[in-house]
C-alpha atoms as a PDB file:
ATOM      1  CA  UNK A   1      31.409 -21.882   6.995  1.00  0.00           C
ATOM      2  CA  UNK A   2      32.042 -20.744  10.617  1.00  0.00           C
ATOM      3  CA  UNK A   3      35.297 -21.872  11.985  1.00  0.00           C
ATOM      4  CA  UNK A   4      35.910 -19.441  14.999  1.00  0.00           C
ATOM      5  CA  UNK A   5      34.641 -19.608  18.446  1.00  0.00           C
ATOM      6  CA  UNK A   6      35.346 -16.762  20.935  1.00  0.00           C
ATOM      7  CA  UNK A   7      35.558 -17.399  24.699  1.00  0.00           C
ATOM      8  CA  UNK A   8      35.294 -14.226  26.733  1.00  0.00           C
ATOM      9  CA  UNK A   9      37.336 -15.220  29.795  1.00  0.00           C
ATOM     10  CA  UNK A  10      38.544 -12.009  31.389  1.00  0.00           C
ATOM     11  CA  UNK A  11      36.011 -11.696  34.246  1.00  0.00           C
ATOM     12  CA  UNK A  12      37.062 -11.950  37.929  1.00  0.00           C
ATOM     13  CA  UNK A  13      34.493 -14.565  38.947  1.00  0.00           C
ATOM     14  CA  UNK A  14      33.432 -12.727  41.951  1.00  0.00           C
ATOM     15  CA  UNK A  15      30.407 -14.963  42.583  1.00  0.00           C
ATOM     16  CA  UNK A  16      32.779 -17.714  43.329  1.00  0.00           C
ATOM     17  CA  UNK A  17      35.267 -15.952  45.710  1.00  0.00           C
ATOM     18  CA  UNK A  18      37.449 -16.840  47.394  1.00  0.00           C
ATOM     19  CA  UNK A  19      38.109 -19.834  45.117  1.00  0.00           C
ATOM     20  CA  UNK A  20      38.588 -17.489  42.054  1.00  0.00           C
ATOM     21  CA  UNK A  21      40.938 -15.098  43.947  1.00  0.00           C
ATOM     22  CA  UNK A  22      44.023 -16.869  42.436  1.00  0.00           C
ATOM     23  CA  UNK A  23      42.390 -19.240  39.954  1.00  0.00           C
ATOM     24  CA  UNK A  24      40.409 -18.361  36.786  1.00  0.00           C
ATOM     25  CA  UNK A  25      36.754 -19.352  37.220  1.00  0.00           C
ATOM     26  CA  UNK A  26      37.033 -21.018  33.864  1.00  0.00           C
ATOM     27  CA  UNK A  27      39.512 -23.456  35.334  1.00  0.00           C
ATOM     28  CA  UNK A  28      37.077 -24.663  38.129  1.00  0.00           C
ATOM     29  CA  UNK A  29      36.927 -28.471  37.737  1.00  0.00           C
ATOM     30  CA  UNK A  30      33.598 -30.150  37.138  1.00  0.00           C
ATOM     31  CA  UNK A  31      34.506 -33.619  38.213  1.00  0.00           C
ATOM     32  CA  UNK A  32      37.893 -33.963  36.540  1.00  0.00           C
ATOM     33  CA  UNK A  33      37.726 -31.374  33.703  1.00  0.00           C
ATOM     34  CA  UNK A  34      37.795 -27.573  33.955  1.00  0.00           C
ATOM     35  CA  UNK A  35      34.799 -25.643  32.691  1.00  0.00           C
ATOM     36  CA  UNK A  36      36.754 -24.154  29.797  1.00  0.00           C
ATOM     37  CA  UNK A  37      37.599 -27.621  28.464  1.00  0.00           C
ATOM     38  CA  UNK A  38      33.909 -28.581  28.298  1.00  0.00           C
ATOM     39  CA  UNK A  39      33.199 -25.495  26.316  1.00  0.00           C
ATOM     40  CA  UNK A  40      36.007 -26.076  23.789  1.00  0.00           C
ATOM     41  CA  UNK A  41      34.792 -29.709  23.385  1.00  0.00           C
ATOM     42  CA  UNK A  42      31.301 -28.380  22.550  1.00  0.00           C
ATOM     43  CA  UNK A  43      32.892 -25.920  20.022  1.00  0.00           C
ATOM     44  CA  UNK A  44      34.972 -28.630  18.349  1.00  0.00           C
ATOM     45  CA  UNK A  45      31.984 -30.930  18.138  1.00  0.00           C
ATOM     46  CA  UNK A  46      30.199 -28.182  16.191  1.00  0.00           C
ATOM     47  CA  UNK A  47      33.111 -27.936  13.781  1.00  0.00           C
ATOM     48  CA  UNK A  48      34.697 -24.781  15.349  1.00  0.00           C
ATOM     49  CA  UNK A  49      38.321 -25.501  15.631  1.00  0.00           C
ATOM     50  CA  UNK A  50      39.750 -21.969  15.742  1.00  0.00           C
ATOM     51  CA  UNK A  51      39.503 -20.906  19.366  1.00  0.00           C
ATOM     52  CA  UNK A  52      39.837 -17.236  20.281  1.00  0.00           C
ATOM     53  CA  UNK A  53      40.169 -16.513  23.997  1.00  0.00           C
ATOM     54  CA  UNK A  54      39.742 -13.007  25.514  1.00  0.00           C
ATOM     55  CA  UNK A  55      41.603 -13.125  28.768  1.00  0.00           C
ATOM     56  CA  UNK A  56      42.935 -10.755  31.424  1.00  0.00           C
ATOM     57  CA  UNK A  57      45.390 -10.570  34.306  1.00  0.00           C
ATOM     58  CA  UNK A  58      45.760 -13.723  36.224  1.00  0.00           C
ATOM     59  CA  UNK A  59      44.466 -15.997  33.443  1.00  0.00           C
ATOM     60  CA  UNK A  60      47.776 -17.646  32.410  1.00  0.00           C
ATOM     61  CA  UNK A  61      46.432 -21.003  33.526  1.00  0.00           C
ATOM     62  CA  UNK A  62      44.084 -20.994  30.472  1.00  0.00           C
ATOM     63  CA  UNK A  63      46.957 -20.868  28.062  1.00  0.00           C
ATOM     64  CA  UNK A  64      48.908 -23.429  29.972  1.00  0.00           C
ATOM     65  CA  UNK A  65      45.993 -25.805  29.972  1.00  0.00           C
ATOM     66  CA  UNK A  66      45.769 -25.943  26.217  1.00  0.00           C
ATOM     67  CA  UNK A  67      49.485 -26.543  25.809  1.00  0.00           C
ATOM     68  CA  UNK A  68      51.794 -29.558  26.109  1.00  0.00           C
ATOM     69  CA  UNK A  69      53.201 -30.181  29.626  1.00  0.00           C
ATOM     70  CA  UNK A  70      56.482 -31.954  28.690  1.00  0.00           C
ATOM     71  CA  UNK A  71      57.540 -32.680  32.257  1.00  0.00           C
ATOM     72  CA  UNK A  72      54.120 -34.047  33.212  1.00  0.00           C
ATOM     73  CA  UNK A  73      53.694 -36.178  30.165  1.00  0.00           C
ATOM     74  CA  UNK A  74      57.235 -37.513  30.440  1.00  0.00           C
ATOM     75  CA  UNK A  75      56.434 -38.614  34.096  1.00  0.00           C
ATOM     76  CA  UNK A  76      53.197 -40.516  33.168  1.00  0.00           C
ATOM     77  CA  UNK A  77      54.339 -41.950  29.745  1.00  0.00           C
ATOM     78  CA  UNK A  78      53.506 -45.568  29.322  1.00  0.00           C
ATOM     79  CA  UNK A  79      51.430 -45.629  32.599  1.00  0.00           C
ATOM     80  CA  UNK A  80      47.700 -46.055  33.034  1.00  0.00           C
ATOM     81  CA  UNK A  81      47.485 -42.367  33.874  1.00  0.00           C
ATOM     82  CA  UNK A  82      48.056 -41.400  30.233  1.00  0.00           C
ATOM     83  CA  UNK A  83      44.385 -42.079  29.671  1.00  0.00           C
ATOM     84  CA  UNK A  84      43.461 -39.022  31.628  1.00  0.00           C
ATOM     85  CA  UNK A  85      45.129 -36.734  28.977  1.00  0.00           C
ATOM     86  CA  UNK A  86      43.353 -38.222  25.950  1.00  0.00           C
ATOM     87  CA  UNK A  87      40.612 -35.563  25.990  1.00  0.00           C
ATOM     88  CA  UNK A  88      42.828 -32.568  26.332  1.00  0.00           C
ATOM     89  CA  UNK A  89      45.381 -33.897  23.782  1.00  0.00           C
ATOM     90  CA  UNK A  90      42.506 -34.263  21.209  1.00  0.00           C
ATOM     91  CA  UNK A  91      41.683 -30.554  21.623  1.00  0.00           C
ATOM     92  CA  UNK A  92      45.358 -29.553  21.349  1.00  0.00           C
ATOM     93  CA  UNK A  93      45.777 -31.652  18.262  1.00  0.00           C
ATOM     94  CA  UNK A  94      42.560 -30.468  16.469  1.00  0.00           C
ATOM     95  CA  UNK A  95      42.229 -26.872  17.558  1.00  0.00           C
ATOM     96  CA  UNK A  96      44.284 -23.750  17.230  1.00  0.00           C
ATOM     97  CA  UNK A  97      44.254 -21.320  20.115  1.00  0.00           C
ATOM     98  CA  UNK A  98      44.823 -17.528  19.944  1.00  0.00           C
ATOM     99  CA  UNK A  99      44.645 -15.093  22.853  1.00  0.00           C
ATOM    100  CA  UNK A 100      44.220 -11.380  23.495  1.00  0.00           C
ATOM    101  CA  UNK A 101      43.644  -9.398  26.688  1.00  0.00           C
ATOM    102  CA  UNK A 102      40.646  -7.232  27.780  1.00  0.00           C
ATOM    103  CA  UNK A 103      42.520  -4.499  29.563  1.00  0.00           C
ATOM    104  CA  UNK A 104      39.465  -3.144  31.424  1.00  0.00           C
ATOM    105  CA  UNK A 105      36.445  -5.102  32.595  1.00  0.00           C
ATOM    106  CA  UNK A 106      33.755  -3.122  30.799  1.00  0.00           C
ATOM    107  CA  UNK A 107      31.012  -5.713  30.023  1.00  0.00           C
ATOM    108  CA  UNK A 108      30.440  -8.643  27.684  1.00  0.00           C
ATOM    109  CA  UNK A 109      29.999  -6.318  24.660  1.00  0.00           C
ATOM    110  CA  UNK A 110      33.342  -4.751  25.381  1.00  0.00           C
ATOM    111  CA  UNK A 111      34.985  -8.262  25.843  1.00  0.00           C
ATOM    112  CA  UNK A 112      33.691  -9.380  22.463  1.00  0.00           C
ATOM    113  CA  UNK A 113      34.949  -6.200  20.758  1.00  0.00           C
ATOM    114  CA  UNK A 114      38.308  -6.833  22.438  1.00  0.00           C
ATOM    115  CA  UNK A 115      38.552 -10.134  20.469  1.00  0.00           C
ATOM    116  CA  UNK A 116      37.833  -8.469  17.110  1.00  0.00           C
ATOM    117  CA  UNK A 117      41.492  -8.846  15.955  1.00  0.00           C
ATOM    118  CA  UNK A 118      41.228 -12.552  16.488  1.00  0.00           C
ATOM    119  CA  UNK A 119      38.044 -12.992  14.545  1.00  0.00           C
ATOM    120  CA  UNK A 120      38.375 -10.630  11.575  1.00  0.00           C
ATOM    121  CA  UNK A 121      35.480 -10.042   9.190  1.00  0.00           C
ATOM    122  CA  UNK A 122      33.604 -13.347   9.458  1.00  0.00           C
ATOM    123  CA  UNK A 123      30.786 -14.849  11.457  1.00  0.00           C
ATOM    124  CA  UNK A 124      31.756 -16.529  14.698  1.00  0.00           C
ATOM    125  CA  UNK A 125      30.337 -18.292  17.832  1.00  0.00           C
ATOM    126  CA  UNK A 126      30.620 -17.108  21.444  1.00  0.00           C
ATOM    127  CA  UNK A 127      30.678 -19.357  24.417  1.00  0.00           C
ATOM    128  CA  UNK A 128      30.537 -18.314  28.031  1.00  0.00           C
ATOM    129  CA  UNK A 129      32.222 -21.186  29.735  1.00  0.00           C
ATOM    130  CA  UNK A 130      30.402 -20.834  33.121  1.00  0.00           C
ATOM    131  CA  UNK A 131      27.162 -21.714  31.311  1.00  0.00           C
ATOM    132  CA  UNK A 132      27.730 -25.373  31.131  1.00  0.00           C
ATOM    133  CA  UNK A 133      25.435 -27.079  28.547  1.00  0.00           C
ATOM    134  CA  UNK A 134      24.750 -30.763  27.755  1.00  0.00           C
ATOM    135  CA  UNK A 135      22.434 -32.637  25.403  1.00  0.00           C
ATOM    136  CA  UNK A 136      22.966 -36.315  26.147  1.00  0.00           C
ATOM    137  CA  UNK A 137      20.297 -37.307  23.527  1.00  0.00           C
ATOM    138  CA  UNK A 138      21.653 -35.599  20.471  1.00  0.00           C
ATOM    139  CA  UNK A 139      23.649 -32.595  19.159  1.00  0.00           C
ATOM    140  CA  UNK A 140      25.266 -30.143  21.582  1.00  0.00           C
ATOM    141  CA  UNK A 141      23.899 -26.696  21.830  1.00  0.00           C
ATOM    142  CA  UNK A 142      26.438 -25.103  19.514  1.00  0.00           C
ATOM    143  CA  UNK A 143      25.902 -27.812  16.847  1.00  0.00           C
ATOM    144  CA  UNK A 144      22.232 -27.135  16.988  1.00  0.00           C
ATOM    145  CA  UNK A 145      22.837 -23.425  16.497  1.00  0.00           C
ATOM    146  CA  UNK A 146      25.326 -23.905  13.704  1.00  0.00           C
ATOM    147  CA  UNK A 147      22.575 -25.883  11.807  1.00  0.00           C
ATOM    148  CA  UNK A 148      20.251 -22.946  12.274  1.00  0.00           C
ATOM    149  CA  UNK A 149      22.860 -20.469  11.085  1.00  0.00           C
ATOM    150  CA  UNK A 150      23.419 -22.484   7.951  1.00  0.00           C
ATOM    151  CA  UNK A 151      19.731 -22.055   7.191  1.00  0.00           C
ATOM    152  CA  UNK A 152      19.057 -18.365   8.238  1.00  0.00           C
ATOM    153  CA  UNK A 153      22.443 -16.764   7.966  1.00  0.00           C
ATOM    154  CA  UNK A 154      21.971 -14.219  10.848  1.00  0.00           C
ATOM    155  CA  UNK A 155      22.922 -13.722  14.442  1.00  0.00           C
ATOM    156  CA  UNK A 156      21.410 -16.263  16.874  1.00  0.00           C
ATOM    157  CA  UNK A 157      21.094 -16.307  20.612  1.00  0.00           C
ATOM    158  CA  UNK A 158      20.368 -19.361  22.798  1.00  0.00           C
ATOM    159  CA  UNK A 159      17.411 -18.857  25.198  1.00  0.00           C
ATOM    160  CA  UNK A 160      15.563 -20.749  27.958  1.00  0.00           C
ATOM    161  CA  UNK A 161      12.651 -20.051  30.151  1.00  0.00           C
ATOM    162  CA  UNK A 162      13.505 -18.830  33.661  1.00  0.00           C
ATOM    163  CA  UNK A 163      11.356 -18.171  36.703  1.00  0.00           C
ATOM    164  CA  UNK A 164       9.932 -14.597  36.337  1.00  0.00           C
ATOM    165  CA  UNK A 165      11.546 -13.528  39.604  1.00  0.00           C
ATOM    166  CA  UNK A 166      15.027 -14.350  38.089  1.00  0.00           C
ATOM    167  CA  UNK A 167      14.780 -12.051  35.090  1.00  0.00           C
ATOM    168  CA  UNK A 168      17.042  -9.569  36.693  1.00  0.00           C
ATOM    169  CA  UNK A 169      19.933 -11.945  36.280  1.00  0.00           C
ATOM    170  CA  UNK A 170      19.718 -12.179  32.526  1.00  0.00           C
ATOM    171  CA  UNK A 171      19.272 -10.537  29.226  1.00  0.00           C
ATOM    172  CA  UNK A 172      15.561 -11.032  28.289  1.00  0.00           C
ATOM    173  CA  UNK A 173      14.076 -11.245  24.852  1.00  0.00           C
ATOM    174  CA  UNK A 174      10.585 -11.192  23.335  1.00  0.00           C
ATOM    175  CA  UNK A 175       9.682 -11.627  19.643  1.00  0.00           C
ATOM    176  CA  UNK A 176       7.636 -13.144  16.955  1.00  0.00           C
ATOM    177  CA  UNK A 177       7.362 -16.937  16.875  1.00  0.00           C
ATOM    178  CA  UNK A 178       8.677 -18.495  13.686  1.00  0.00           C
ATOM    179  CA  UNK A 179       8.331 -22.062  14.896  1.00  0.00           C
ATOM    180  CA  UNK A 180       8.066 -23.682  18.300  1.00  0.00           C
ATOM    181  CA  UNK A 181      11.663 -23.298  19.168  1.00  0.00           C
ATOM    182  CA  UNK A 182      12.644 -20.114  17.190  1.00  0.00           C
ATOM    183  CA  UNK A 183      11.668 -16.499  17.632  1.00  0.00           C
ATOM    184  CA  UNK A 184      12.642 -13.362  15.660  1.00  0.00           C
ATOM    185  CA  UNK A 185      13.775 -10.955  18.325  1.00  0.00           C
ATOM    186  CA  UNK A 186      11.772  -7.652  18.610  1.00  0.00           C
ATOM    187  CA  UNK A 187      12.740  -6.735  22.109  1.00  0.00           C
ATOM    188  CA  UNK A 188      15.868  -7.362  24.196  1.00  0.00           C
ATOM    189  CA  UNK A 189      16.505  -5.898  27.639  1.00  0.00           C
ATOM    190  CA  UNK A 190      19.545  -6.454  29.927  1.00  0.00           C
ATOM    191  CA  UNK A 191      18.587  -7.643  33.459  1.00  0.00           C
ATOM    192  CA  UNK A 192      15.134  -6.113  33.852  1.00  0.00           C
ATOM    193  CA  UNK A 193      13.134  -6.262  37.013  1.00  0.00           C
ATOM    194  CA  UNK A 194      10.326  -8.810  36.872  1.00  0.00           C
ATOM    195  CA  UNK A 195       7.718  -6.035  36.444  1.00  0.00           C
ATOM    196  CA  UNK A 196       9.634  -4.582  33.455  1.00  0.00           C
ATOM    197  CA  UNK A 197      10.587  -7.875  31.724  1.00  0.00           C
ATOM    198  CA  UNK A 198       9.059  -8.404  28.224  1.00  0.00           C
ATOM    199  CA  UNK A 199       8.966 -12.139  28.887  1.00  0.00           C
ATOM    200  CA  UNK A 200      10.772 -14.860  30.903  1.00  0.00           C
ATOM    201  CA  UNK A 201      12.942 -15.990  27.995  1.00  0.00           C
ATOM    202  CA  UNK A 202      16.530 -15.512  29.122  1.00  0.00           C
ATOM    203  CA  UNK A 203      19.632 -15.394  26.899  1.00  0.00           C
ATOM    204  CA  UNK A 204      22.320 -17.895  27.970  1.00  0.00           C
ATOM    205  CA  UNK A 205      25.940 -18.069  27.130  1.00  0.00           C
ATOM    206  CA  UNK A 206      25.747 -19.287  23.538  1.00  0.00           C
ATOM    207  CA  UNK A 207      25.767 -16.945  20.561  1.00  0.00           C
ATOM    208  CA  UNK A 208      26.411 -16.994  16.855  1.00  0.00           C
ATOM    209  CA  UNK A 209      27.238 -13.436  15.674  1.00  0.00           C
ATOM    210  CA  UNK A 210      27.673 -11.969  12.229  1.00  0.00           C
ATOM    211  CA  UNK A 211      30.705  -9.688  11.890  1.00  0.00           C
ATOM    212  CA  UNK A 212      28.793  -6.431  11.651  1.00  0.00           C
ATOM    213  CA  UNK A 213      28.213  -6.830  15.432  1.00  0.00           C
ATOM    214  CA  UNK A 214      31.615  -5.269  16.019  1.00  0.00           C
ATOM    215  CA  UNK A 215      30.761  -1.947  14.440  1.00  0.00           C
ATOM    216  CA  UNK A 216      27.507  -1.985  16.375  1.00  0.00           C
ATOM    217  CA  UNK A 217      29.238  -2.582  19.659  1.00  0.00           C
ATOM    218  CA  UNK A 218      31.462   0.367  18.846  1.00  0.00           C
ATOM    219  CA  UNK A 219      28.462   2.512  18.475  1.00  0.00           C
ATOM    220  CA  UNK A 220      26.935   1.316  21.718  1.00  0.00           C
ATOM    221  CA  UNK A 221      27.095   3.656  24.721  1.00  0.00           C
ATOM    222  CA  UNK A 222      27.928   2.296  28.148  1.00  0.00           C
ATOM    223  CA  UNK A 223      24.907   1.485  30.348  1.00  0.00           C
ATOM    224  CA  UNK A 224      24.207   2.641  33.943  1.00  0.00           C
ATOM    225  CA  UNK A 225      26.963   0.359  35.301  1.00  0.00           C
ATOM    226  CA  UNK A 226      29.519   1.751  32.798  1.00  0.00           C
ATOM    227  CA  UNK A 227      29.456  -1.529  30.863  1.00  0.00           C
ATOM    228  CA  UNK A 228      28.868  -2.035  27.243  1.00  0.00           C
ATOM    229  CA  UNK A 229      26.191  -4.716  26.818  1.00  0.00           C
ATOM    230  CA  UNK A 230      25.960  -7.138  23.971  1.00  0.00           C
ATOM    231  CA  UNK A 231      22.232  -7.076  24.285  1.00  0.00           C
ATOM    232  CA  UNK A 232      22.176  -3.348  23.267  1.00  0.00           C
ATOM    233  CA  UNK A 233      24.273  -4.030  20.138  1.00  0.00           C
ATOM    234  CA  UNK A 234      22.114  -7.023  19.315  1.00  0.00           C
ATOM    235  CA  UNK A 235      19.015  -4.902  19.632  1.00  0.00           C
ATOM    236  CA  UNK A 236      20.411  -2.508  17.005  1.00  0.00           C
ATOM    237  CA  UNK A 237      21.060  -5.444  14.826  1.00  0.00           C
ATOM    238  CA  UNK A 238      17.571  -6.833  15.307  1.00  0.00           C
ATOM    239  CA  UNK A 239      16.032  -3.475  14.223  1.00  0.00           C
ATOM    240  CA  UNK A 240      18.321  -3.133  11.202  1.00  0.00           C
ATOM    241  CA  UNK A 241      18.127  -6.795  10.132  1.00  0.00           C
ATOM    242  CA  UNK A 242      17.411 -10.001  11.932  1.00  0.00           C
ATOM    243  CA  UNK A 243      18.298 -11.708  15.186  1.00  0.00           C
ATOM    244  CA  UNK A 244      16.918 -15.081  16.119  1.00  0.00           C
ATOM    245  CA  UNK A 245      16.313 -16.600  19.533  1.00  0.00           C
ATOM    246  CA  UNK A 246      16.546 -20.363  19.784  1.00  0.00           C
ATOM    247  CA  UNK A 247      15.158 -22.540  22.536  1.00  0.00           C
ATOM    248  CA  UNK A 248      17.856 -25.097  22.564  1.00  0.00           C
ATOM    249  CA  UNK A 249      17.504 -28.803  23.311  1.00  0.00           C
ATOM    250  CA  UNK A 250      19.456 -29.904  26.437  1.00  0.00           C
ATOM    251  CA  UNK A 251      20.199 -28.810  29.898  1.00  0.00           C
ATOM    252  CA  UNK A 252      22.174 -25.821  31.137  1.00  0.00           C
ATOM    253  CA  UNK A 253      23.903 -25.219  34.414  1.00  0.00           C
ATOM    254  CA  UNK A 254      24.937 -21.727  35.792  1.00  0.00           C
ATOM    255  CA  UNK A 255      28.348 -22.669  37.024  1.00  0.00           C
ATOM    256  CA  UNK A 256      29.085 -19.122  38.151  1.00  0.00           C
ATOM    257  CA  UNK A 257      26.954 -19.759  41.185  1.00  0.00           C
ATOM    258  CA  UNK A 258      27.656 -22.338  43.897  1.00  0.00           C
ATOM    259  CA  UNK A 259      24.261 -24.014  43.462  1.00  0.00           C
ATOM    260  CA  UNK A 260      24.546 -24.422  39.748  1.00  0.00           C
ATOM    261  CA  UNK A 261      28.190 -25.653  40.038  1.00  0.00           C
ATOM    262  CA  UNK A 262      27.214 -28.377  42.514  1.00  0.00           C
ATOM    263  CA  UNK A 263      24.284 -29.411  40.281  1.00  0.00           C
ATOM    264  CA  UNK A 264      26.618 -29.665  37.318  1.00  0.00           C
ATOM    265  CA  UNK A 265      29.046 -31.694  39.224  1.00  0.00           C
ATOM    266  CA  UNK A 266      26.495 -34.184  40.338  1.00  0.00           C
ATOM    267  CA  UNK A 267      24.967 -34.396  36.884  1.00  0.00           C
ATOM    268  CA  UNK A 268      28.449 -35.013  35.191  1.00  0.00           C
ATOM    269  CA  UNK A 269      29.345 -37.572  37.748  1.00  0.00           C
ATOM    270  CA  UNK A 270      26.142 -39.445  37.381  1.00  0.00           C
ATOM    271  CA  UNK A 271      25.576 -39.196  33.660  1.00  0.00           C
ATOM    272  CA  UNK A 272      29.025 -38.843  32.161  1.00  0.00           C
ATOM    273  CA  UNK A 273      31.997 -39.733  34.431  1.00  0.00           C
ATOM    274  CA  UNK A 274      30.440 -42.941  35.968  1.00  0.00           C
ATOM    275  CA  UNK A 275      29.142 -44.224  32.621  1.00  0.00           C
ATOM    276  CA  UNK A 276      32.382 -43.391  30.664  1.00  0.00           C
ATOM    277  CA  UNK A 277      30.266 -41.363  28.173  1.00  0.00           C
ATOM    278  CA  UNK A 278      31.893 -38.830  25.884  1.00  0.00           C
ATOM    279  CA  UNK A 279      30.576 -35.769  24.140  1.00  0.00           C
END
């Protein structure tokens, strides 16, 4: 059983400057909850209660958010404002949180490797909090992927179709179709130009990884930008064994961009906040 979910959260959030100059991008609020809280809620829904966060300098707010604020809670005790803390209290009560720092920003692969001591030798999930995902008609994305892992027992990446002109923003995969929503990965390229992309199937910020990925990351050379890419390690894993790509059910917002962030805020306000829905 997978119980651990890693949140790489050490990045600078440069696409959202100047807002992220003094505030972690993961703490940007979508309506009344920060991005990171949505991600942890999705993890807990999938049964992943051991939360491992890879942070960096200036990210102390993440630790404070998932902790008790005695002064605040004393001030609002027995008032109607207590209801606003029900969601975060549920996470604090039902999850354990551990933290480590990525000392240098050297890519997602390096960030995941930095969290190895928090994971150990067991399979785990990875959530990138600025990819905000919803499925209002059924299981969340991580829950869908957990069910697949229980069946196939291999690494799984979530994918969606993107416009061909946007392939340079994503890791792009191609592979053999197993069923309508699952492919066995044969090719994986990090941020290719449209003319070099093997498809328009883009990896989004949801992964389930088997523990051998750590050794594969260690063997991975930095790319042109000096970063260690998780896609390169996954490609090695696909050649030696099996990596699946899953076309998830639901909707995803790129909250690292202003456009995606505004779309997510509007969506949450209309479909979740105003209706009082929970997920």
